[in-house]
Each structure stands twice: as structure tokens, then as C-alpha cells.
Amino acid sequence: EEVKAFVDKIKAMSTKERGIVEEKEGVFTGKYA
């Protein structure tokens, strides 16, 4: 749910905003490589 909310938040951004990141943000997927 946390990952999906983050993905939805990013997808709600314009392509221009998406290319300009001021603060790094992310979420753990629960999996390991």
C-alpha cells in the first residue's frame, strides 16, 4: 500500500516536474536483490 501510494504520487506529476527532483524520496519495496 505504501509503495502503491508513492507510485500514484509520482504518476500524478507532470513530465516536466518529473524530470526535476529537488529532494530525493523513495520507499522500500519489501524485496531484496
PDB file of all heavy atoms in Angstrom:
ATOM      1  N   GLU A   1       0.823  -1.205   0.000  1.00  0.00           N
ATOM      2  CA  GLU A   1       0.000   0.000   0.000  1.00  0.00           C
ATOM      3  C   GLU A   1       0.864   1.266   0.000  1.00  0.00           C
ATOM      4  O   GLU A   1       0.562   2.241  -0.689  1.00  0.00           O
ATOM      5  CB  GLU A   1      -0.948   0.007   1.202  1.00  0.00           C
ATOM      6  CG  GLU A   1      -2.038  -1.047   1.126  1.00  0.00           C
ATOM      7  CD  GLU A   1      -2.894  -0.937  -0.133  1.00  0.00           C
ATOM      8  OE1 GLU A   1      -3.131   0.208  -0.576  1.00  0.00           O
ATOM      9  OE2 GLU A   1      -3.301  -1.981  -0.670  1.00  0.00           O
ATOM     10  N   GLU A   2       1.937   1.233   0.783  1.00  0.00           N
ATOM     11  CA  GLU A   2       2.848   2.381   0.829  1.00  0.00           C
ATOM     12  C   GLU A   2       3.520   2.588  -0.532  1.00  0.00           C
ATOM     13  O   GLU A   2       3.654   3.713  -1.021  1.00  0.00           O
ATOM     14  CB  GLU A   2       3.906   2.161   1.916  1.00  0.00           C
ATOM     15  CG  GLU A   2       4.834   3.353   2.097  1.00  0.00           C
ATOM     16  CD  GLU A   2       5.931   3.080   3.115  1.00  0.00           C
ATOM     17  OE1 GLU A   2       5.951   1.974   3.707  1.00  0.00           O
ATOM     18  OE2 GLU A   2       6.779   3.980   3.316  1.00  0.00           O
ATOM     19  N   VAL A   3       3.942   1.489  -1.131  1.00  0.00           N
ATOM     20  CA  VAL A   3       4.589   1.569  -2.452  1.00  0.00           C
ATOM     21  C   VAL A   3       3.606   2.082  -3.496  1.00  0.00           C
ATOM     22  O   VAL A   3       3.933   2.963  -4.295  1.00  0.00           O
ATOM     23  CB  VAL A   3       5.144   0.186  -2.874  1.00  0.00           C
ATOM     24  CG1 VAL A   3       5.613   0.221  -4.332  1.00  0.00           C
ATOM     25  CG2 VAL A   3       6.286  -0.226  -1.958  1.00  0.00           C
ATOM     26  N   LYS A   4       2.386   1.561  -3.476  1.00  0.00           N
ATOM     27  CA  LYS A   4       1.378   1.984  -4.451  1.00  0.00           C
ATOM     28  C   LYS A   4       1.061   3.472  -4.298  1.00  0.00           C
ATOM     29  O   LYS A   4       0.921   4.201  -5.290  1.00  0.00           O
ATOM     30  CB  LYS A   4       0.101   1.168  -4.306  1.00  0.00           C
ATOM     31  CG  LYS A   4      -0.925   1.454  -5.411  1.00  0.00           C
ATOM     32  CD  LYS A   4      -2.129   0.554  -5.302  1.00  0.00           C
ATOM     33  CE  LYS A   4      -3.070   0.760  -6.481  1.00  0.00           C
ATOM     34  NZ  LYS A   4      -3.468   2.173  -6.651  1.00  0.00           N
ATOM     35  N   ALA A   5       0.962   3.935  -3.059  1.00  0.00           N
ATOM     36  CA  ALA A   5       0.686   5.358  -2.821  1.00  0.00           C
ATOM     37  C   ALA A   5       1.814   6.222  -3.376  1.00  0.00           C
ATOM     38  O   ALA A   5       1.572   7.285  -3.967  1.00  0.00           O
ATOM     39  CB  ALA A   5       0.503   5.614  -1.335  1.00  0.00           C
ATOM     40  N   PHE A   6       3.049   5.760  -3.202  1.00  0.00           N
ATOM     41  CA  PHE A   6       4.196   6.506  -3.721  1.00  0.00           C
ATOM     42  C   PHE A   6       4.199   6.522  -5.250  1.00  0.00           C
ATOM     43  O   PHE A   6       4.425   7.563  -5.872  1.00  0.00           O
ATOM     44  CB  PHE A   6       5.494   5.891  -3.187  1.00  0.00           C
ATOM     45  CG  PHE A   6       6.740   6.603  -3.645  1.00  0.00           C
ATOM     46  CD1 PHE A   6       7.053   7.852  -3.168  1.00  0.00           C
ATOM     47  CD2 PHE A   6       7.594   6.000  -4.560  1.00  0.00           C
ATOM     48  CE1 PHE A   6       8.209   8.513  -3.589  1.00  0.00           C
ATOM     49  CE2 PHE A   6       8.743   6.637  -4.988  1.00  0.00           C
ATOM     50  CZ  PHE A   6       9.051   7.898  -4.500  1.00  0.00           C
ATOM     51  N   VAL A   7       3.923   5.376  -5.834  1.00  0.00           N
ATOM     52  CA  VAL A   7       3.861   5.283  -7.307  1.00  0.00           C
ATOM     53  C   VAL A   7       2.772   6.211  -7.845  1.00  0.00           C
ATOM     54  O   VAL A   7       2.983   6.938  -8.822  1.00  0.00           O
ATOM     55  CB  VAL A   7       3.617   3.827  -7.750  1.00  0.00           C
ATOM     56  CG1 VAL A   7       3.284   3.764  -9.246  1.00  0.00           C
ATOM     57  CG2 VAL A   7       4.836   2.959  -7.437  1.00  0.00           C
ATOM     58  N   ASP A   8       1.594   6.202  -7.216  1.00  0.00           N
ATOM     59  CA  ASP A   8       0.487   7.069  -7.647  1.00  0.00           C
ATOM     60  C   ASP A   8       0.867   8.548  -7.521  1.00  0.00           C
ATOM     61  O   ASP A   8       0.512   9.368  -8.374  1.00  0.00           O
ATOM     62  CB  ASP A   8      -0.765   6.788  -6.820  1.00  0.00           C
ATOM     63  CG  ASP A   8      -1.380   5.428  -7.137  1.00  0.00           C
ATOM     64  OD1 ASP A   8      -1.029   4.862  -8.194  1.00  0.00           O
ATOM     65  OD2 ASP A   8      -2.186   4.935  -6.328  1.00  0.00           O
ATOM     66  N   LYS A   9       1.575   8.875  -6.460  1.00  0.00           N
ATOM     67  CA  LYS A   9       2.004  10.257  -6.254  1.00  0.00           C
ATOM     68  C   LYS A   9       2.932  10.701  -7.383  1.00  0.00           C
ATOM     69  O   LYS A   9       2.787  11.807  -7.918  1.00  0.00           O
ATOM     70  CB  LYS A   9       2.741  10.371  -4.909  1.00  0.00           C
ATOM     71  CG  LYS A   9       3.379  11.722  -4.661  1.00  0.00           C
ATOM     72  CD  LYS A   9       4.209  11.700  -3.380  1.00  0.00           C
ATOM     73  CE  LYS A   9       5.034  12.960  -3.237  1.00  0.00           C
ATOM     74  NZ  LYS A   9       5.887  12.931  -2.034  1.00  0.00           N
ATOM     75  N   ILE A  10       3.869   9.845  -7.745  1.00  0.00           N
ATOM     76  CA  ILE A  10       4.816  10.186  -8.817  1.00  0.00           C
ATOM     77  C   ILE A  10       4.102  10.284 -10.162  1.00  0.00           C
ATOM     78  O   ILE A  10       4.354  11.187 -10.956  1.00  0.00           O
ATOM     79  CB  ILE A  10       5.951   9.140  -8.890  1.00  0.00           C
ATOM     80  CG1 ILE A  10       6.774   9.143  -7.595  1.00  0.00           C
ATOM     81  CG2 ILE A  10       6.853   9.411 -10.092  1.00  0.00           C
ATOM     82  CD1 ILE A  10       7.445  10.440  -7.257  1.00  0.00           C
ATOM     83  N   LYS A  11       3.162   9.383 -10.401  1.00  0.00           N
ATOM     84  CA  LYS A  11       2.436   9.391 -11.674  1.00  0.00           C
ATOM     85  C   LYS A  11       1.511  10.601 -11.807  1.00  0.00           C
ATOM     86  O   LYS A  11       1.084  10.943 -12.910  1.00  0.00           O
ATOM     87  CB  LYS A  11       1.633   8.096 -11.844  1.00  0.00           C
ATOM     88  CG  LYS A  11       2.494   6.891 -12.180  1.00  0.00           C
ATOM     89  CD  LYS A  11       1.637   5.675 -12.498  1.00  0.00           C
ATOM     90  CE  LYS A  11       2.490   4.521 -12.996  1.00  0.00           C
ATOM     91  NZ  LYS A  11       1.684   3.337 -13.348  1.00  0.00           N
ATOM     92  N   ALA A  12       1.194  11.233 -10.674  1.00  0.00           N
ATOM     93  CA  ALA A  12       0.334  12.420 -10.701  1.00  0.00           C
ATOM     94  C   ALA A  12       1.112  13.685 -11.046  1.00  0.00           C
ATOM     95  O   ALA A  12       0.530  14.750 -11.208  1.00  0.00           O
ATOM     96  CB  ALA A  12      -0.354  12.601  -9.354  1.00  0.00           C
ATOM     97  N   MET A  13       2.434  13.559 -11.186  1.00  0.00           N
ATOM     98  CA  MET A  13       3.260  14.713 -11.531  1.00  0.00           C
ATOM     99  C   MET A  13       3.298  14.884 -13.044  1.00  0.00           C
ATOM    100  O   MET A  13       3.133  13.929 -13.791  1.00  0.00           O
ATOM    101  CB  MET A  13       4.680  14.525 -11.005  1.00  0.00           C
ATOM    102  CG  MET A  13       4.775  14.385  -9.492  1.00  0.00           C
ATOM    103  SD  MET A  13       6.420  13.863  -8.935  1.00  0.00           S
ATOM    104  CE  MET A  13       7.374  15.328  -9.291  1.00  0.00           C
ATOM    105  N   SER A  14       3.506  16.124 -13.502  1.00  0.00           N
ATOM    106  CA  SER A  14       3.691  16.357 -14.938  1.00  0.00           C
ATOM    107  C   SER A  14       5.052  15.813 -15.352  1.00  0.00           C
ATOM    108  O   SER A  14       5.935  15.604 -14.514  1.00  0.00           O
ATOM    109  CB  SER A  14       3.620  17.845 -15.258  1.00  0.00           C
ATOM    110  OG  SER A  14       4.779  18.519 -14.772  1.00  0.00           O
ATOM    111  N   THR A  15       5.227  15.587 -16.651  1.00  0.00           N
ATOM    112  CA  THR A  15       6.514  15.069 -17.123  1.00  0.00           C
ATOM    113  C   THR A  15       7.634  16.067 -16.870  1.00  0.00           C
ATOM    114  O   THR A  15       8.780  15.678 -16.641  1.00  0.00           O
ATOM    115  CB  THR A  15       6.444  14.742 -18.625  1.00  0.00           C
ATOM    116  OG1 THR A  15       6.000  15.900 -19.345  1.00  0.00           O
ATOM    117  CG2 THR A  15       5.506  13.592 -18.887  1.00  0.00           C
ATOM    118  N   LYS A  16       7.303  17.360 -16.881  1.00  0.00           N
ATOM    119  CA  LYS A  16       8.323  18.370 -16.608  1.00  0.00           C
ATOM    120  C   LYS A  16       8.752  18.308 -15.146  1.00  0.00           C
ATOM    121  O   LYS A  16       9.948  18.312 -14.830  1.00  0.00           O
ATOM    122  CB  LYS A  16       7.786  19.765 -16.942  1.00  0.00           C
ATOM    123  CG  LYS A  16       8.814  20.881 -16.774  1.00  0.00           C
ATOM    124  CD  LYS A  16       8.233  22.214 -17.175  1.00  0.00           C
ATOM    125  CE  LYS A  16       9.260  23.329 -17.049  1.00  0.00           C
ATOM    126  NZ  LYS A  16       8.703  24.647 -17.439  1.00  0.00           N
ATOM    127  N   GLU A  17       7.770  18.253 -14.237  1.00  0.00           N
ATOM    128  CA  GLU A  17       8.084  18.144 -12.807  1.00  0.00           C
ATOM    129  C   GLU A  17       8.864  16.871 -12.532  1.00  0.00           C
ATOM    130  O   GLU A  17       9.783  16.849 -11.707  1.00  0.00           O
ATOM    131  CB  GLU A  17       6.795  18.110 -11.988  1.00  0.00           C
ATOM    132  CG  GLU A  17       6.033  19.418 -11.922  1.00  0.00           C
ATOM    133  CD  GLU A  17       4.702  19.232 -11.196  1.00  0.00           C
ATOM    134  OE1 GLU A  17       3.960  18.299 -11.537  1.00  0.00           O
ATOM    135  OE2 GLU A  17       4.438  20.018 -10.283  1.00  0.00           O
ATOM    136  N   ARG A  18       8.497  15.820 -13.240  1.00  0.00           N
ATOM    137  CA  ARG A  18       9.114  14.513 -13.015  1.00  0.00           C
ATOM    138  C   ARG A  18      10.611  14.549 -13.299  1.00  0.00           C
ATOM    139  O   ARG A  18      11.399  13.821 -12.703  1.00  0.00           O
ATOM    140  CB  ARG A  18       8.414  13.497 -13.930  1.00  0.00           C
ATOM    141  CG  ARG A  18       8.767  12.066 -13.694  1.00  0.00           C
ATOM    142  CD  ARG A  18       8.341  11.574 -12.340  1.00  0.00           C
ATOM    143  NE  ARG A  18       8.905  10.245 -12.147  1.00  0.00           N
ATOM    144  CZ  ARG A  18      10.090  10.014 -11.623  1.00  0.00           C
ATOM    145  NH1 ARG A  18      10.825  11.010 -11.184  1.00  0.00           N
ATOM    146  NH2 ARG A  18      10.554   8.786 -11.495  1.00  0.00           N
ATOM    147  N   GLY A  19      10.992  15.413 -14.250  1.00  0.00           N
ATOM    148  CA  GLY A  19      12.407  15.493 -14.613  1.00  0.00           C
ATOM    149  C   GLY A  19      13.220  16.391 -13.701  1.00  0.00           C
ATOM    150  O   GLY A  19      14.436  16.485 -13.841  1.00  0.00           O
ATOM    151  N   ILE A  20      12.554  17.083 -12.775  1.00  0.00           N
ATOM    152  CA  ILE A  20      13.252  17.994 -11.857  1.00  0.00           C
ATOM    153  C   ILE A  20      13.010  17.519 -10.434  1.00  0.00           C
ATOM    154  O   ILE A  20      11.922  17.675  -9.887  1.00  0.00           O
ATOM    155  CB  ILE A  20      12.749  19.445 -12.020  1.00  0.00           C
ATOM    156  CG1 ILE A  20      12.878  19.901 -13.477  1.00  0.00           C
ATOM    157  CG2 ILE A  20      13.508  20.377 -11.092  1.00  0.00           C
ATOM    158  CD1 ILE A  20      12.184  21.201 -13.760  1.00  0.00           C
ATOM    159  N   VAL A  21      14.017  16.927  -9.835  1.00  0.00           N
ATOM    160  CA  VAL A  21      13.882  16.402  -8.472  1.00  0.00           C
ATOM    161  C   VAL A  21      14.730  17.253  -7.537  1.00  0.00           C
ATOM    162  O   VAL A  21      15.947  17.347  -7.690  1.00  0.00           O
ATOM    163  CB  VAL A  21      14.332  14.931  -8.396  1.00  0.00           C
ATOM    164  CG1 VAL A  21      14.353  14.459  -6.956  1.00  0.00           C
ATOM    165  CG2 VAL A  21      13.401  14.061  -9.229  1.00  0.00           C
ATOM    166  N   GLU A  22      14.069  17.920  -6.581  1.00  0.00           N
ATOM    167  CA  GLU A  22      14.810  18.730  -5.612  1.00  0.00           C
ATOM    168  C   GLU A  22      15.194  17.895  -4.396  1.00  0.00           C
ATOM    169  O   GLU A  22      16.318  17.944  -3.924  1.00  0.00           O
ATOM    170  CB  GLU A  22      13.968  19.933  -5.196  1.00  0.00           C
ATOM    171  CG  GLU A  22      13.733  20.923  -6.347  1.00  0.00           C
ATOM    172  CD  GLU A  22      12.932  22.118  -5.917  1.00  0.00           C
ATOM    173  OE1 GLU A  22      12.583  22.210  -4.723  1.00  0.00           O
ATOM    174  OE2 GLU A  22      12.665  22.977  -6.780  1.00  0.00           O
ATOM    175  N   GLU A  23      14.255  17.108  -3.886  1.00  0.00           N
ATOM    176  CA  GLU A  23      14.525  16.281  -2.712  1.00  0.00           C
ATOM    177  C   GLU A  23      14.352  14.820  -3.073  1.00  0.00           C
ATOM    178  O   GLU A  23      13.350  14.426  -3.678  1.00  0.00           O
ATOM    179  CB  GLU A  23      13.574  16.643  -1.564  1.00  0.00           C
ATOM    180  CG  GLU A  23      13.868  15.868  -0.287  1.00  0.00           C
ATOM    181  CD  GLU A  23      12.928  16.234   0.849  1.00  0.00           C
ATOM    182  OE1 GLU A  23      12.108  17.152   0.664  1.00  0.00           O
ATOM    183  OE2 GLU A  23      13.000  15.589   1.901  1.00  0.00           O
ATOM    184  N   LYS A  24      15.347  14.019  -2.726  1.00  0.00           N
ATOM    185  CA  LYS A  24      15.279  12.589  -3.008  1.00  0.00           C
ATOM    186  C   LYS A  24      14.235  11.937  -2.100  1.00  0.00           C
ATOM    187  O   LYS A  24      14.229  12.145  -0.886  1.00  0.00           O
ATOM    188  CB  LYS A  24      16.638  11.930  -2.780  1.00  0.00           C
ATOM    189  CG  LYS A  24      17.820  12.617  -3.475  1.00  0.00           C
ATOM    190  CD  LYS A  24      17.742  12.476  -4.982  1.00  0.00           C
ATOM    191  CE  LYS A  24      18.966  13.094  -5.649  1.00  0.00           C
ATOM    192  NZ  LYS A  24      19.036  14.554  -5.532  1.00  0.00           N
ATOM    193  N   GLU A  25      13.338  11.154  -2.712  1.00  0.00           N
ATOM    194  CA  GLU A  25      12.314  10.434  -1.950  1.00  0.00           C
ATOM    195  C   GLU A  25      12.204   9.013  -2.478  1.00  0.00           C
ATOM    196  O   GLU A  25      12.469   8.759  -3.669  1.00  0.00           O
ATOM    197  CB  GLU A  25      10.949  11.114  -2.079  1.00  0.00           C
ATOM    198  CG  GLU A  25      10.856  12.461  -1.411  1.00  0.00           C
ATOM    199  CD  GLU A  25       9.457  13.049  -1.532  1.00  0.00           C
ATOM    200  OE1 GLU A  25       8.748  12.707  -2.510  1.00  0.00           O
ATOM    201  OE2 GLU A  25       9.081  13.825  -0.650  1.00  0.00           O
ATOM    202  N   GLY A  26      11.789   8.086  -1.606  1.00  0.00           N
ATOM    203  CA  GLY A  26      11.607   6.715  -2.054  1.00  0.00           C
ATOM    204  C   GLY A  26      10.935   5.857  -1.007  1.00  0.00           C
ATOM    205  O   GLY A  26      10.676   6.303   0.118  1.00  0.00           O
ATOM    206  N   VAL A  27      10.630   4.612  -1.399  1.00  0.00           N
ATOM    207  CA  VAL A  27      10.035   3.641  -0.483  1.00  0.00           C
ATOM    208  C   VAL A  27      10.663   2.271  -0.721  1.00  0.00           C
ATOM    209  O   VAL A  27      11.016   1.920  -1.854  1.00  0.00           O
ATOM    210  CB  VAL A  27       8.495   3.536  -0.646  1.00  0.00           C
ATOM    211  CG1 VAL A  27       7.808   4.784  -0.156  1.00  0.00           C
ATOM    212  CG2 VAL A  27       8.117   3.234  -2.097  1.00  0.00           C
ATOM    213  N   PHE A  28      10.773   1.504   0.347  1.00  0.00           N
ATOM    214  CA  PHE A  28      11.278   0.136   0.266  1.00  0.00           C
ATOM    215  C   PHE A  28      10.182  -0.763  -0.304  1.00  0.00           C
ATOM    216  O   PHE A  28       9.032  -0.711   0.123  1.00  0.00           O
ATOM    217  CB  PHE A  28      11.686  -0.327   1.661  1.00  0.00           C
ATOM    218  CG  PHE A  28      12.166  -1.741   1.741  1.00  0.00           C
ATOM    219  CD1 PHE A  28      13.082  -2.245   0.840  1.00  0.00           C
ATOM    220  CD2 PHE A  28      11.694  -2.587   2.755  1.00  0.00           C
ATOM    221  CE1 PHE A  28      13.526  -3.558   0.919  1.00  0.00           C
ATOM    222  CE2 PHE A  28      12.139  -3.901   2.861  1.00  0.00           C
ATOM    223  CZ  PHE A  28      13.056  -4.390   1.937  1.00  0.00           C
ATOM    224  N   THR A  29      10.541  -1.607  -1.267  1.00  0.00           N
ATOM    225  CA  THR A  29       9.545  -2.478  -1.903  1.00  0.00           C
ATOM    226  C   THR A  29       9.256  -3.735  -1.099  1.00  0.00           C
ATOM    227  O   THR A  29       8.298  -4.462  -1.384  1.00  0.00           O
ATOM    228  CB  THR A  29      10.026  -2.920  -3.297  1.00  0.00           C
ATOM    229  OG1 THR A  29      11.221  -3.704  -3.146  1.00  0.00           O
ATOM    230  CG2 THR A  29      10.298  -1.727  -4.198  1.00  0.00           C
ATOM    231  N   GLY A  30      10.105  -4.004  -0.115  1.00  0.00           N
ATOM    232  CA  GLY A  30       9.928  -5.239   0.659  1.00  0.00           C
ATOM    233  C   GLY A  30      10.742  -6.398   0.124  1.00  0.00           C
ATOM    234  O   GLY A  30      10.736  -7.487   0.705  1.00  0.00           O
ATOM    235  N   LYS A  31      11.450  -6.171  -0.996  1.00  0.00           N
ATOM    236  CA  LYS A  31      12.232  -7.244  -1.607  1.00  0.00           C
ATOM    237  C   LYS A  31      13.717  -6.868  -1.675  1.00  0.00           C
ATOM    238  O   LYS A  31      14.089  -5.699  -1.554  1.00  0.00           O
ATOM    239  CB  LYS A  31      11.714  -7.533  -3.030  1.00  0.00           C
ATOM    240  CG  LYS A  31      10.325  -8.168  -3.052  1.00  0.00           C
ATOM    241  CD  LYS A  31      10.353  -9.590  -2.536  1.00  0.00           C
ATOM    242  CE  LYS A  31       8.962 -10.229  -2.534  1.00  0.00           C
ATOM    243  NZ  LYS A  31       8.408 -10.451  -3.866  1.00  0.00           N
ATOM    244  N   TYR A  32      14.528  -7.933  -1.880  1.00  0.00           N
ATOM    245  CA  TYR A  32      15.973  -7.754  -1.935  1.00  0.00           C
ATOM    246  C   TYR A  32      16.524  -8.320  -3.247  1.00  0.00           C
ATOM    247  O   TYR A  32      15.981  -9.285  -3.805  1.00  0.00           O
ATOM    248  CB  TYR A  32      16.651  -8.472  -0.760  1.00  0.00           C
ATOM    249  CG  TYR A  32      16.340  -7.853   0.587  1.00  0.00           C
ATOM    250  CD1 TYR A  32      15.147  -8.171   1.251  1.00  0.00           C
ATOM    251  CD2 TYR A  32      17.224  -6.963   1.181  1.00  0.00           C
ATOM    252  CE1 TYR A  32      14.850  -7.612   2.487  1.00  0.00           C
ATOM    253  CE2 TYR A  32      16.939  -6.395   2.415  1.00  0.00           C
ATOM    254  CZ  TYR A  32      15.758  -6.716   3.063  1.00  0.00           C
ATOM    255  OH  TYR A  32      15.469  -6.149   4.282  1.00  0.00           O
ATOM    256  N   ALA A  33      17.619  -7.704  -3.700  1.00  0.00           N
ATOM    257  CA  ALA A  33      18.369  -8.244  -4.830  1.00  0.00           C
ATOM    258  C   ALA A  33      19.660  -8.852  -4.298  1.00  0.00           C
ATOM    259  O   ALA A  33      20.041  -8.618  -3.145  1.00  0.00           O
ATOM    260  CB  ALA A  33      18.678  -7.142  -5.835  1.00  0.00           C
TER     261      ALA A  33
END
